[in-house]
Amino acid sequence: WRAGGNEKAVVALPSGRQQFTPVGKYKADGILETLILHSATK
């Protein structure tokens, strides 16, 4: 909440499956590619 300026916050959680196909200059690590980003404003 402090990081979001006391106005918002994002919680990144793994989904267990890839959300995009790693291509080009991107090396997959099995973590970032699986994330779902949950945003709260309260």
PDB file of all heavy atoms in Angstrom:
ATOM      1  N   TRP A   1       0.837  -1.201   0.000  1.00  0.00           N
ATOM      2  CA  TRP A   1       0.000   0.000   0.000  1.00  0.00           C
ATOM      3  C   TRP A   1       0.878   1.260   0.000  1.00  0.00           C
ATOM      4  O   TRP A   1       0.589   2.240  -0.697  1.00  0.00           O
ATOM      5  CB  TRP A   1      -0.949  -0.033   1.189  1.00  0.00           C
ATOM      6  CG  TRP A   1      -2.084   0.937   1.085  1.00  0.00           C
ATOM      7  CD1 TRP A   1      -2.313   2.026   1.885  1.00  0.00           C
ATOM      8  CD2 TRP A   1      -3.152   0.920   0.130  1.00  0.00           C
ATOM      9  NE1 TRP A   1      -3.452   2.680   1.482  1.00  0.00           N
ATOM     10  CE2 TRP A   1      -3.991   2.019   0.410  1.00  0.00           C
ATOM     11  CE3 TRP A   1      -3.472   0.072  -0.941  1.00  0.00           C
ATOM     12  CZ2 TRP A   1      -5.134   2.297  -0.337  1.00  0.00           C
ATOM     13  CZ3 TRP A   1      -4.611   0.348  -1.686  1.00  0.00           C
ATOM     14  CH2 TRP A   1      -5.433   1.450  -1.386  1.00  0.00           C
ATOM     15  N   ARG A   2       1.960   1.236   0.771  1.00  0.00           N
ATOM     16  CA  ARG A   2       2.890   2.372   0.763  1.00  0.00           C
ATOM     17  C   ARG A   2       3.554   2.518  -0.598  1.00  0.00           C
ATOM     18  O   ARG A   2       3.752   3.630  -1.094  1.00  0.00           O
ATOM     19  CB  ARG A   2       3.958   2.195   1.843  1.00  0.00           C
ATOM     20  CG  ARG A   2       3.551   2.753   3.199  1.00  0.00           C
ATOM     21  CD  ARG A   2       4.687   2.665   4.194  1.00  0.00           C
ATOM     22  NE  ARG A   2       4.841   1.308   4.683  1.00  0.00           N
ATOM     23  CZ  ARG A   2       5.999   0.768   5.056  1.00  0.00           C
ATOM     24  NH1 ARG A   2       7.112   1.466   4.970  1.00  0.00           N
ATOM     25  NH2 ARG A   2       6.060  -0.453   5.506  1.00  0.00           N
ATOM     26  N   ALA A   3       3.926   1.390  -1.209  1.00  0.00           N
ATOM     27  CA  ALA A   3       4.566   1.430  -2.533  1.00  0.00           C
ATOM     28  C   ALA A   3       3.640   2.066  -3.564  1.00  0.00           C
ATOM     29  O   ALA A   3       4.093   2.767  -4.474  1.00  0.00           O
ATOM     30  CB  ALA A   3       4.953   0.020  -2.976  1.00  0.00           C
ATOM     31  N   GLY A   4       2.337   1.831  -3.399  1.00  0.00           N
ATOM     32  CA  GLY A   4       1.347   2.388  -4.314  1.00  0.00           C
ATOM     33  C   GLY A   4       0.868   3.771  -3.925  1.00  0.00           C
ATOM     34  O   GLY A   4      -0.204   4.205  -4.386  1.00  0.00           O
ATOM     35  N   GLY A   5       1.615   4.457  -3.075  1.00  0.00           N
ATOM     36  CA  GLY A   5       1.266   5.821  -2.690  1.00  0.00           C
ATOM     37  C   GLY A   5      -0.003   5.915  -1.863  1.00  0.00           C
ATOM     38  O   GLY A   5      -0.691   6.940  -1.885  1.00  0.00           O
ATOM     39  N   ASN A   6      -0.324   4.848  -1.119  1.00  0.00           N
ATOM     40  CA  ASN A   6      -1.537   4.781  -0.289  1.00  0.00           C
ATOM     41  C   ASN A   6      -2.817   4.940  -1.107  1.00  0.00           C
ATOM     42  O   ASN A   6      -3.843   5.381  -0.603  1.00  0.00           O
ATOM     43  CB  ASN A   6      -1.500   5.845   0.825  1.00  0.00           C
ATOM     44  CG  ASN A   6      -0.327   5.638   1.768  1.00  0.00           C
ATOM     45  OD1 ASN A   6      -0.048   4.518   2.181  1.00  0.00           O
ATOM     46  ND2 ASN A   6       0.373   6.703   2.087  1.00  0.00           N
ATOM     47  N   GLU A   7      -2.743   4.563  -2.385  1.00  0.00           N
ATOM     48  CA  GLU A   7      -3.903   4.667  -3.270  1.00  0.00           C
ATOM     49  C   GLU A   7      -4.238   3.365  -3.974  1.00  0.00           C
ATOM     50  O   GLU A   7      -5.376   3.126  -4.348  1.00  0.00           O
ATOM     51  CB  GLU A   7      -3.663   5.745  -4.340  1.00  0.00           C
ATOM     52  CG  GLU A   7      -3.585   7.161  -3.779  1.00  0.00           C
ATOM     53  CD  GLU A   7      -3.341   8.192  -4.866  1.00  0.00           C
ATOM     54  OE1 GLU A   7      -3.067   7.794  -6.026  1.00  0.00           O
ATOM     55  OE2 GLU A   7      -3.434   9.397  -4.564  1.00  0.00           O
ATOM     56  N   LYS A   8      -3.221   2.521  -4.152  1.00  0.00           N
ATOM     57  CA  LYS A   8      -3.445   1.274  -4.888  1.00  0.00           C
ATOM     58  C   LYS A   8      -2.350   0.283  -4.534  1.00  0.00           C
ATOM     59  O   LYS A   8      -1.335   0.648  -3.934  1.00  0.00           O
ATOM     60  CB  LYS A   8      -3.421   1.522  -6.407  1.00  0.00           C
ATOM     61  CG  LYS A   8      -2.084   2.032  -6.928  1.00  0.00           C
ATOM     62  CD  LYS A   8      -2.123   2.289  -8.418  1.00  0.00           C
ATOM     63  CE  LYS A   8      -0.803   2.866  -8.937  1.00  0.00           C
ATOM     64  NZ  LYS A   8       0.346   1.968  -8.786  1.00  0.00           N
ATOM     65  N   ALA A   9      -2.567  -0.967  -4.909  1.00  0.00           N
ATOM     66  CA  ALA A   9      -1.551  -2.000  -4.742  1.00  0.00           C
ATOM     67  C   ALA A   9      -1.772  -3.081  -5.781  1.00  0.00           C
ATOM     68  O   ALA A   9      -2.902  -3.329  -6.206  1.00  0.00           O
ATOM     69  CB  ALA A   9      -1.605  -2.598  -3.340  1.00  0.00           C
ATOM     70  N   VAL A  10      -0.690  -3.710  -6.193  1.00  0.00           N
ATOM     71  CA  VAL A  10      -0.754  -4.836  -7.130  1.00  0.00           C
ATOM     72  C   VAL A  10      -0.159  -6.056  -6.442  1.00  0.00           C
ATOM     73  O   VAL A  10       0.931  -5.975  -5.863  1.00  0.00           O
ATOM     74  CB  VAL A  10       0.026  -4.538  -8.430  1.00  0.00           C
ATOM     75  CG1 VAL A  10       0.024  -5.751  -9.352  1.00  0.00           C
ATOM     76  CG2 VAL A  10      -0.569  -3.332  -9.147  1.00  0.00           C
ATOM     77  N   VAL A  11      -0.879  -7.164  -6.483  1.00  0.00           N
ATOM     78  CA  VAL A  11      -0.388  -8.427  -5.924  1.00  0.00           C
ATOM     79  C   VAL A  11      -0.170  -9.386  -7.085  1.00  0.00           C
ATOM     80  O   VAL A  11      -1.117  -9.745  -7.800  1.00  0.00           O
ATOM     81  CB  VAL A  11      -1.387  -9.031  -4.919  1.00  0.00           C
ATOM     82  CG1 VAL A  11      -0.817 -10.316  -4.306  1.00  0.00           C
ATOM     83  CG2 VAL A  11      -1.734  -8.023  -3.828  1.00  0.00           C
ATOM     84  N   ALA A  12       1.070  -9.785  -7.283  1.00  0.00           N
ATOM     85  CA  ALA A  12       1.416 -10.711  -8.359  1.00  0.00           C
ATOM     86  C   ALA A  12       1.419 -12.138  -7.813  1.00  0.00           C
ATOM     87  O   ALA A  12       2.140 -12.432  -6.860  1.00  0.00           O
ATOM     88  CB  ALA A  12       2.793 -10.360  -8.930  1.00  0.00           C
ATOM     89  N   LEU A  13       0.602 -13.006  -8.417  1.00  0.00           N
ATOM     90  CA  LEU A  13       0.517 -14.404  -7.977  1.00  0.00           C
ATOM     91  C   LEU A  13       0.668 -15.341  -9.173  1.00  0.00           C
ATOM     92  O   LEU A  13       0.198 -15.018 -10.272  1.00  0.00           O
ATOM     93  CB  LEU A  13      -0.829 -14.670  -7.294  1.00  0.00           C
ATOM     94  CG  LEU A  13      -1.109 -13.915  -5.980  1.00  0.00           C
ATOM     95  CD1 LEU A  13      -2.504 -14.260  -5.488  1.00  0.00           C
ATOM     96  CD2 LEU A  13      -0.068 -14.242  -4.928  1.00  0.00           C
ATOM     97  N   PRO A  14       1.293 -16.496  -8.968  1.00  0.00           N
ATOM     98  CA  PRO A  14       1.464 -17.440 -10.071  1.00  0.00           C
ATOM     99  C   PRO A  14       0.155 -18.148 -10.412  1.00  0.00           C
ATOM    100  O   PRO A  14      -0.654 -18.431  -9.533  1.00  0.00           O
ATOM    101  CB  PRO A  14       2.495 -18.429  -9.525  1.00  0.00           C
ATOM    102  CG  PRO A  14       2.313 -18.379  -8.038  1.00  0.00           C
ATOM    103  CD  PRO A  14       1.896 -16.978  -7.718  1.00  0.00           C
ATOM    104  N   SER A  15      -0.029 -18.422 -11.684  1.00  0.00           N
ATOM    105  CA  SER A  15      -1.244 -19.109 -12.134  1.00  0.00           C
ATOM    106  C   SER A  15      -1.004 -20.594 -12.387  1.00  0.00           C
ATOM    107  O   SER A  15      -1.945 -21.365 -12.523  1.00  0.00           O
ATOM    108  CB  SER A  15      -1.747 -18.474 -13.438  1.00  0.00           C
ATOM    109  OG  SER A  15      -0.783 -18.659 -14.468  1.00  0.00           O
ATOM    110  N   GLY A  16       0.279 -20.977 -12.472  1.00  0.00           N
ATOM    111  CA  GLY A  16       0.583 -22.378 -12.744  1.00  0.00           C
ATOM    112  C   GLY A  16       0.735 -22.700 -14.227  1.00  0.00           C
ATOM    113  O   GLY A  16       1.070 -23.818 -14.591  1.00  0.00           O
ATOM    114  N   ARG A  17       0.484 -21.696 -15.075  1.00  0.00           N
ATOM    115  CA  ARG A  17       0.687 -21.923 -16.516  1.00  0.00           C
ATOM    116  C   ARG A  17       1.135 -20.620 -17.181  1.00  0.00           C
ATOM    117  O   ARG A  17       0.890 -19.533 -16.682  1.00  0.00           O
ATOM    118  CB  ARG A  17      -0.591 -22.439 -17.185  1.00  0.00           C
ATOM    119  CG  ARG A  17      -1.778 -21.537 -17.071  1.00  0.00           C
ATOM    120  CD  ARG A  17      -3.040 -22.240 -17.580  1.00  0.00           C
ATOM    121  NE  ARG A  17      -4.206 -21.370 -17.512  1.00  0.00           N
ATOM    122  CZ  ARG A  17      -4.568 -20.518 -18.448  1.00  0.00           C
ATOM    123  NH1 ARG A  17      -3.846 -20.392 -19.547  1.00  0.00           N
ATOM    124  NH2 ARG A  17      -5.642 -19.766 -18.313  1.00  0.00           N
ATOM    125  N   GLN A  18       1.789 -20.769 -18.322  1.00  0.00           N
ATOM    126  CA  GLN A  18       2.307 -19.605 -19.032  1.00  0.00           C
ATOM    127  C   GLN A  18       1.181 -18.707 -19.525  1.00  0.00           C
ATOM    128  O   GLN A  18       0.184 -19.184 -20.059  1.00  0.00           O
ATOM    129  CB  GLN A  18       3.159 -20.041 -20.228  1.00  0.00           C
ATOM    130  CG  GLN A  18       4.560 -20.469 -19.862  1.00  0.00           C
ATOM    131  CD  GLN A  18       5.446 -20.639 -21.093  1.00  0.00           C
ATOM    132  OE1 GLN A  18       4.983 -20.614 -22.218  1.00  0.00           O
ATOM    133  NE2 GLN A  18       6.732 -20.827 -20.866  1.00  0.00           N
ATOM    134  N   GLN A  19       1.344 -17.406 -19.342  1.00  0.00           N
ATOM    135  CA  GLN A  19       0.360 -16.430 -19.802  1.00  0.00           C
ATOM    136  C   GLN A  19       0.739 -15.824 -21.149  1.00  0.00           C
ATOM    137  O   GLN A  19      -0.066 -15.147 -21.778  1.00  0.00           O
ATOM    138  CB  GLN A  19       0.203 -15.318 -18.757  1.00  0.00           C
ATOM    139  CG  GLN A  19      -0.271 -15.812 -17.401  1.00  0.00           C
ATOM    140  CD  GLN A  19      -1.622 -16.509 -17.478  1.00  0.00           C
ATOM    141  OE1 GLN A  19      -2.537 -16.066 -18.170  1.00  0.00           O
ATOM    142  NE2 GLN A  19      -1.759 -17.620 -16.775  1.00  0.00           N
ATOM    143  N   PHE A  20       1.968 -16.071 -21.578  1.00  0.00           N
ATOM    144  CA  PHE A  20       2.414 -15.632 -22.907  1.00  0.00           C
ATOM    145  C   PHE A  20       3.518 -16.572 -23.363  1.00  0.00           C
ATOM    146  O   PHE A  20       4.109 -17.295 -22.566  1.00  0.00           O
ATOM    147  CB  PHE A  20       2.898 -14.177 -22.889  1.00  0.00           C
ATOM    148  CG  PHE A  20       4.097 -13.932 -22.004  1.00  0.00           C
ATOM    149  CD1 PHE A  20       5.393 -14.167 -22.462  1.00  0.00           C
ATOM    150  CD2 PHE A  20       3.932 -13.450 -20.710  1.00  0.00           C
ATOM    151  CE1 PHE A  20       6.489 -13.943 -21.643  1.00  0.00           C
ATOM    152  CE2 PHE A  20       5.025 -13.213 -19.887  1.00  0.00           C
ATOM    153  CZ  PHE A  20       6.309 -13.461 -20.360  1.00  0.00           C
ATOM    154  N   THR A  21       3.787 -16.557 -24.663  1.00  0.00           N
ATOM    155  CA  THR A  21       4.844 -17.396 -25.218  1.00  0.00           C
ATOM    156  C   THR A  21       6.140 -16.598 -25.272  1.00  0.00           C
ATOM    157  O   THR A  21       6.193 -15.563 -25.947  1.00  0.00           O
ATOM    158  CB  THR A  21       4.474 -17.864 -26.645  1.00  0.00           C
ATOM    159  OG1 THR A  21       3.218 -18.546 -26.588  1.00  0.00           O
ATOM    160  CG2 THR A  21       5.536 -18.795 -27.202  1.00  0.00           C
ATOM    161  N   PRO A  22       7.165 -17.050 -24.543  1.00  0.00           N
ATOM    162  CA  PRO A  22       8.440 -16.324 -24.554  1.00  0.00           C
ATOM    163  C   PRO A  22       9.081 -16.371 -25.939  1.00  0.00           C
ATOM    164  O   PRO A  22       9.343 -17.449 -26.476  1.00  0.00           O
ATOM    165  CB  PRO A  22       9.294 -17.087 -23.536  1.00  0.00           C
ATOM    166  CG  PRO A  22       8.315 -17.848 -22.701  1.00  0.00           C
ATOM    167  CD  PRO A  22       7.189 -18.186 -23.620  1.00  0.00           C
ATOM    168  N   VAL A  23       9.289 -15.192 -26.532  1.00  0.00           N
ATOM    169  CA  VAL A  23       9.911 -15.104 -27.856  1.00  0.00           C
ATOM    170  C   VAL A  23      10.921 -13.965 -27.853  1.00  0.00           C
ATOM    171  O   VAL A  23      10.909 -13.100 -26.967  1.00  0.00           O
ATOM    172  CB  VAL A  23       8.857 -14.843 -28.968  1.00  0.00           C
ATOM    173  CG1 VAL A  23       7.953 -16.049 -29.160  1.00  0.00           C
ATOM    174  CG2 VAL A  23       8.028 -13.600 -28.661  1.00  0.00           C
ATOM    175  N   GLY A  24      11.779 -13.969 -28.868  1.00  0.00           N
ATOM    176  CA  GLY A  24      12.732 -12.872 -29.018  1.00  0.00           C
ATOM    177  C   GLY A  24      13.723 -12.802 -27.882  1.00  0.00           C
ATOM    178  O   GLY A  24      14.136 -13.817 -27.321  1.00  0.00           O
ATOM    179  N   LYS A  25      14.100 -11.586 -27.500  1.00  0.00           N
ATOM    180  CA  LYS A  25      15.114 -11.380 -26.466  1.00  0.00           C
ATOM    181  C   LYS A  25      14.482 -11.448 -25.080  1.00  0.00           C
ATOM    182  O   LYS A  25      14.421 -10.465 -24.350  1.00  0.00           O
ATOM    183  CB  LYS A  25      15.814 -10.041 -26.674  1.00  0.00           C
ATOM    184  CG  LYS A  25      16.677 -10.005 -27.920  1.00  0.00           C
ATOM    185  CD  LYS A  25      17.470  -8.724 -28.004  1.00  0.00           C
ATOM    186  CE  LYS A  25      18.413  -8.762 -29.202  1.00  0.00           C
ATOM    187  NZ  LYS A  25      19.226  -7.540 -29.295  1.00  0.00           N
ATOM    188  N   TYR A  26      14.017 -12.620 -24.754  1.00  0.00           N
ATOM    189  CA  TYR A  26      13.428 -12.855 -23.433  1.00  0.00           C
ATOM    190  C   TYR A  26      13.727 -14.290 -23.030  1.00  0.00           C
ATOM    191  O   TYR A  26      13.407 -15.235 -23.764  1.00  0.00           O
ATOM    192  CB  TYR A  26      11.913 -12.630 -23.445  1.00  0.00           C
ATOM    193  CG  TYR A  26      11.266 -12.906 -22.097  1.00  0.00           C
ATOM    194  CD1 TYR A  26      11.213 -11.914 -21.124  1.00  0.00           C
ATOM    195  CD2 TYR A  26      10.776 -14.172 -21.774  1.00  0.00           C
ATOM    196  CE1 TYR A  26      10.659 -12.162 -19.871  1.00  0.00           C
ATOM    197  CE2 TYR A  26      10.227 -14.433 -20.531  1.00  0.00           C
ATOM    198  CZ  TYR A  26      10.171 -13.431 -19.580  1.00  0.00           C
ATOM    199  OH  TYR A  26       9.640 -13.695 -18.347  1.00  0.00           O
ATOM    200  N   LYS A  27      14.337 -14.443 -21.855  1.00  0.00           N
ATOM    201  CA  LYS A  27      14.649 -15.782 -21.348  1.00  0.00           C
ATOM    202  C   LYS A  27      13.638 -16.155 -20.277  1.00  0.00           C
ATOM    203  O   LYS A  27      13.503 -15.443 -19.279  1.00  0.00           O
ATOM    204  CB  LYS A  27      16.070 -15.831 -20.794  1.00  0.00           C
ATOM    205  CG  LYS A  27      16.506 -17.236 -20.386  1.00  0.00           C
ATOM    206  CD  LYS A  27      17.959 -17.257 -19.953  1.00  0.00           C
ATOM    207  CE  LYS A  27      18.390 -18.667 -19.564  1.00  0.00           C
ATOM    208  NZ  LYS A  27      19.785 -18.698 -19.092  1.00  0.00           N
ATOM    209  N   ALA A  28      12.916 -17.241 -20.490  1.00  0.00           N
ATOM    210  CA  ALA A  28      11.893 -17.679 -19.538  1.00  0.00           C
ATOM    211  C   ALA A  28      12.538 -18.181 -18.257  1.00  0.00           C
ATOM    212  O   ALA A  28      13.599 -18.796 -18.276  1.00  0.00           O
ATOM    213  CB  ALA A  28      11.043 -18.777 -20.165  1.00  0.00           C
ATOM    214  N   ASP A  29      11.876 -17.900 -17.120  1.00  0.00           N
ATOM    215  CA  ASP A  29      12.381 -18.408 -15.838  1.00  0.00           C
ATOM    216  C   ASP A  29      11.353 -19.266 -15.109  1.00  0.00           C
ATOM    217  O   ASP A  29      11.591 -19.734 -14.008  1.00  0.00           O
ATOM    218  CB  ASP A  29      12.836 -17.253 -14.938  1.00  0.00           C
ATOM    219  CG  ASP A  29      11.747 -16.217 -14.687  1.00  0.00           C
ATOM    220  OD1 ASP A  29      10.560 -16.571 -14.772  1.00  0.00           O
ATOM    221  OD2 ASP A  29      12.083 -15.059 -14.393  1.00  0.00           O
ATOM    222  N   GLY A  30      10.175 -19.440 -15.725  1.00  0.00           N
ATOM    223  CA  GLY A  30       9.138 -20.278 -15.120  1.00  0.00           C
ATOM    224  C   GLY A  30       8.344 -19.583 -14.039  1.00  0.00           C
ATOM    225  O   GLY A  30       7.474 -20.185 -13.418  1.00  0.00           O
ATOM    226  N   ILE A  31       8.619 -18.306 -13.809  1.00  0.00           N
ATOM    227  CA  ILE A  31       7.902 -17.561 -12.764  1.00  0.00           C
ATOM    228  C   ILE A  31       7.164 -16.367 -13.357  1.00  0.00           C
ATOM    229  O   ILE A  31       5.934 -16.304 -13.321  1.00  0.00           O
ATOM    230  CB  ILE A  31       8.864 -17.099 -11.656  1.00  0.00           C
ATOM    231  CG1 ILE A  31       9.520 -18.308 -10.986  1.00  0.00           C
ATOM    232  CG2 ILE A  31       8.120 -16.265 -10.612  1.00  0.00           C
ATOM    233  CD1 ILE A  31      10.659 -17.976 -10.062  1.00  0.00           C
ATOM    234  N   LEU A  32       7.903 -15.420 -13.916  1.00  0.00           N
ATOM    235  CA  LEU A  32       7.277 -14.204 -14.440  1.00  0.00           C
ATOM    236  C   LEU A  32       6.218 -14.513 -15.488  1.00  0.00           C
ATOM    237  O   LEU A  32       5.171 -13.861 -15.537  1.00  0.00           O
ATOM    238  CB  LEU A  32       8.330 -13.262 -15.034  1.00  0.00           C
ATOM    239  CG  LEU A  32       9.261 -12.537 -14.063  1.00  0.00           C
ATOM    240  CD1 LEU A  32      10.112 -11.522 -14.805  1.00  0.00           C
ATOM    241  CD2 LEU A  32       8.500 -11.871 -12.937  1.00  0.00           C
ATOM    242  N   GLU A  33       6.469 -15.529 -16.324  1.00  0.00           N
ATOM    243  CA  GLU A  33       5.530 -15.839 -17.410  1.00  0.00           C
ATOM    244  C   GLU A  33       4.182 -16.356 -16.907  1.00  0.00           C
ATOM    245  O   GLU A  33       3.211 -16.364 -17.651  1.00  0.00           O
ATOM    246  CB  GLU A  33       6.112 -16.899 -18.363  1.00  0.00           C
ATOM    247  CG  GLU A  33       7.489 -16.603 -18.870  1.00  0.00           C
ATOM    248  CD  GLU A  33       8.567 -17.126 -17.926  1.00  0.00           C
ATOM    249  OE1 GLU A  33       8.566 -18.324 -17.614  1.00  0.00           O
ATOM    250  OE2 GLU A  33       9.403 -16.306 -17.494  1.00  0.00           O
ATOM    251  N   THR A  34       4.130 -16.787 -15.654  1.00  0.00           N
ATOM    252  CA  THR A  34       2.896 -17.395 -15.130  1.00  0.00           C
ATOM    253  C   THR A  34       2.041 -16.431 -14.319  1.00  0.00           C
ATOM    254  O   THR A  34       0.969 -16.801 -13.841  1.00  0.00           O
ATOM    255  CB  THR A  34       3.228 -18.598 -14.217  1.00  0.00           C
ATOM    256  OG1 THR A  34       3.776 -18.114 -12.980  1.00  0.00           O
ATOM    257  CG2 THR A  34       4.210 -19.559 -14.876  1.00  0.00           C
ATOM    258  N   LEU A  35       2.501 -15.196 -14.161  1.00  0.00           N
ATOM    259  CA  LEU A  35       1.868 -14.302 -13.186  1.00  0.00           C
ATOM    260  C   LEU A  35       0.523 -13.743 -13.628  1.00  0.00           C
ATOM    261  O   LEU A  35       0.328 -13.390 -14.789  1.00  0.00           O
ATOM    262  CB  LEU A  35       2.802 -13.136 -12.861  1.00  0.00           C
ATOM    263  CG  LEU A  35       4.124 -13.488 -12.166  1.00  0.00           C
ATOM    264  CD1 LEU A  35       4.914 -12.224 -11.877  1.00  0.00           C
ATOM    265  CD2 LEU A  35       3.876 -14.275 -10.880  1.00  0.00           C
ATOM    266  N   ILE A  36      -0.382 -13.665 -12.654  1.00  0.00           N
ATOM    267  CA  ILE A  36      -1.617 -12.898 -12.778  1.00  0.00           C
ATOM    268  C   ILE A  36      -1.476 -11.714 -11.822  1.00  0.00           C
ATOM    269  O   ILE A  36      -1.070 -11.877 -10.672  1.00  0.00           O
ATOM    270  CB  ILE A  36      -2.863 -13.732 -12.400  1.00  0.00           C
ATOM    271  CG1 ILE A  36      -2.953 -14.988 -13.279  1.00  0.00           C
ATOM    272  CG2 ILE A  36      -4.132 -12.886 -12.524  1.00  0.00           C
ATOM    273  CD1 ILE A  36      -3.301 -14.732 -14.721  1.00  0.00           C
ATOM    274  N   LEU A  37      -1.797 -10.534 -12.306  1.00  0.00           N
ATOM    275  CA  LEU A  37      -1.629  -9.310 -11.518  1.00  0.00           C
ATOM    276  C   LEU A  37      -2.983  -8.850 -11.003  1.00  0.00           C
ATOM    277  O   LEU A  37      -3.897  -8.575 -11.781  1.00  0.00           O
ATOM    278  CB  LEU A  37      -0.979  -8.229 -12.387  1.00  0.00           C
ATOM    279  CG  LEU A  37       0.258  -8.683 -13.185  1.00  0.00           C
ATOM    280  CD1 LEU A  37       0.769  -7.564 -14.059  1.00  0.00           C
ATOM    281  CD2 LEU A  37       1.344  -9.207 -12.252  1.00  0.00           C
ATOM    282  N   HIS A  38      -3.103  -8.785  -9.690  1.00  0.00           N
ATOM    283  CA  HIS A  38      -4.371  -8.441  -9.031  1.00  0.00           C
ATOM    284  C   HIS A  38      -4.245  -7.037  -8.447  1.00  0.00           C
ATOM    285  O   HIS A  38      -3.409  -6.802  -7.568  1.00  0.00           O
ATOM    286  CB  HIS A  38      -4.687  -9.457  -7.935  1.00  0.00           C
ATOM    287  CG  HIS A  38      -4.628 -10.880  -8.406  1.00  0.00           C
ATOM    288  ND1 HIS A  38      -5.698 -11.521  -8.992  1.00  0.00           N
ATOM    289  CD2 HIS A  38      -3.609 -11.778  -8.381  1.00  0.00           C
ATOM    290  CE1 HIS A  38      -5.351 -12.762  -9.304  1.00  0.00           C
ATOM    291  NE2 HIS A  38      -4.094 -12.941  -8.945  1.00  0.00           N
ATOM    292  N   SER A  39      -5.081  -6.110  -8.902  1.00  0.00           N
ATOM    293  CA  SER A  39      -4.987  -4.714  -8.478  1.00  0.00           C
ATOM    294  C   SER A  39      -6.124  -4.341  -7.542  1.00  0.00           C
ATOM    295  O   SER A  39      -7.288  -4.624  -7.826  1.00  0.00           O
ATOM    296  CB  SER A  39      -5.021  -3.791  -9.701  1.00  0.00           C
ATOM    297  OG  SER A  39      -3.954  -4.106 -10.571  1.00  0.00           O
ATOM    298  N   ALA A  40      -5.766  -3.705  -6.432  1.00  0.00           N
ATOM    299  CA  ALA A  40      -6.755  -3.231  -5.458  1.00  0.00           C
ATOM    300  C   ALA A  40      -6.609  -1.724  -5.295  1.00  0.00           C
ATOM    301  O   ALA A  40      -5.492  -1.200  -5.291  1.00  0.00           O
ATOM    302  CB  ALA A  40      -6.558  -3.919  -4.113  1.00  0.00           C
ATOM    303  N   THR A  41      -7.734  -1.026  -5.169  1.00  0.00           N
ATOM    304  CA  THR A  41      -7.695   0.419  -4.940  1.00  0.00           C
ATOM    305  C   THR A  41      -8.280   0.782  -3.581  1.00  0.00           C
ATOM    306  O   THR A  41      -8.430   1.961  -3.260  1.00  0.00           O
ATOM    307  CB  THR A  41      -8.465   1.169  -6.048  1.00  0.00           C
ATOM    308  OG1 THR A  41      -9.780   0.618  -6.142  1.00  0.00           O
ATOM    309  CG2 THR A  41      -7.761   1.039  -7.391  1.00  0.00           C
ATOM    310  N   LYS A  42      -8.587  -0.233  -2.778  1.00  0.00           N
ATOM    311  CA  LYS A  42      -9.017  -0.019  -1.395  1.00  0.00           C
ATOM    312  C   LYS A  42      -8.162  -0.900  -0.482  1.00  0.00           C
ATOM    313  O   LYS A  42      -7.972  -2.083  -0.749  1.00  0.00           O
ATOM    314  CB  LYS A  42     -10.497  -0.374  -1.213  1.00  0.00           C
ATOM    315  CG  LYS A  42     -11.449   0.604  -1.893  1.00  0.00           C
ATOM    316  CD  LYS A  42     -12.881   0.231  -1.584  1.00  0.00           C
ATOM    317  CE  LYS A  42     -13.858   1.201  -2.255  1.00  0.00           C
ATOM    318  NZ  LYS A  42     -15.265   0.803  -2.018  1.00  0.00           N
TER     319      LYS A  42
END
